Amino acid sequence: MKLHSVSSASVSGRKAGFAQAPRPSRRTTVQVNAANALIVNTKGGGHSFIGMYLAKELTSKGHKAKLVKKAPYSAYADLAQSGVDICWGSPTDPSTWPKGDFQVVYDNNGKDMDSCKTLIDAFKGKVEHYVFVGSAGAYKADSIEPQHMEGDTRKASAGHVTVENYLVEQGMPYTVFQPLYIYGPNTGKDCEQWFVDRIIRDRPVPIPQPGIQMTTLTHVEDVASMLAAVVGNKAAIGQHYNVCSDRAITFVGITKAVSKALGKDPNILLYSPEEVGTGKSGKAEGFPFRTIHFFANSDKAKRDLGWKPKHVFLSDVADLVADYKKLGRESKEIDFTTDDKILRAKLALCTAVAGDGATHSLPCVPLLLEIGAQSS
């Protein structure tokens, strides 16, 4: 686990309450002064590279950073060259934490009480601002109004929600950030790479139908800039913020964008996870995203924090593909076992529907027959 100690900002501004704090009508004007912040960062998953970019964002503003990690991460060598101190540590062992006083703590460490309680207890009454990085995945899905807004119903059983409730109970001066899907260099979880894996090898791209599900992809630099914007802003205490781009894109749209960047025509195969036996309830085996709409609104962060995203996924795709090739992933062996399972099941379904010798009357069948033969 990585803990980053970052000299951050202490500011004067209007104080807000906790869970039921009123939403400011406009961003509070603040005067920034140097202070210290500690970033406690998870070692893996889709949030694992947030801490590194957050440290970069804060140090780029002239602040000092220290990072404590539990697992090797090669990219941290570059971070050290930018002035960030790096050491080893554990978020559940205070004896391994950096020494000193911190005005701000960023908890990007975990999603349950086992991984977060120690840190919260240690800094109760000792920090001006405690920032918890939760997840928009804690929202309950809504098929009628799928775009998530702060204040929407959340899953009581979600670990993130349990941690947030504990922050309230302990009277912590907290702010909660709720990221969606994140992309960018040094990611710990596939995003656009899943699509490149298939398109660059001229394989079909199996997309859970109908393929027009909306999702939000946000560059990690934009995530970091939003988190950095909250430091010292007392109006943000007691508030939740969605962390996402202000644009949404469909699964088919991602496929087409990646295909264009690769100079290829996409071979999209729509399928039902339930029918082919690879998923249900919004999940599909082998697919990197939820199979339902999953996007949110970030207007509150723009209004309260003066935040604005710099990246647009469609503008970044060419660089993302270039990074994929630079890393040599094009020559790596990729496991397409689930893809082949989907293709064979889809072939069987199409053949059954077509009936007596008429399989080729279905547009999808010739391609599936070829793929079925290759994967058998």
Foldseek 3Di string as FASTA:
>chain_A
DKKKKKFAWAWDWDAFAAQPTDADPFATDIDTDTFMEMEDAACFDQRRCLVLLLRVVRVVVVMAMEMADADDAPVVVVSVVSHYHYHHDAQQDVVRDDDDAGQEYEYNYDQACVRPVNNCVVCQVRYNEYEYEYAPVQADADPVDRADDPPHHGHPPTRNVVVSVVCVVSRHQYAYEHEYGEDDPSGRADDLVLLCQALVVVHADEAAPPQFAKAFYAYSNLQSVLVSLCPNRSSRGNYYFYRTAQDIGTRVRSNCLLCVLVVHDHRYDYDHQVQLVADDDQDGPPDRGGNHHYHYHGVSSCGHRVGHGPDDCSVCSNVVVVVCVVVVVNPDDDDCPVVLSRLVSVLVVLDVVLPDVRSVVDVPNVVSVVSNVVVD
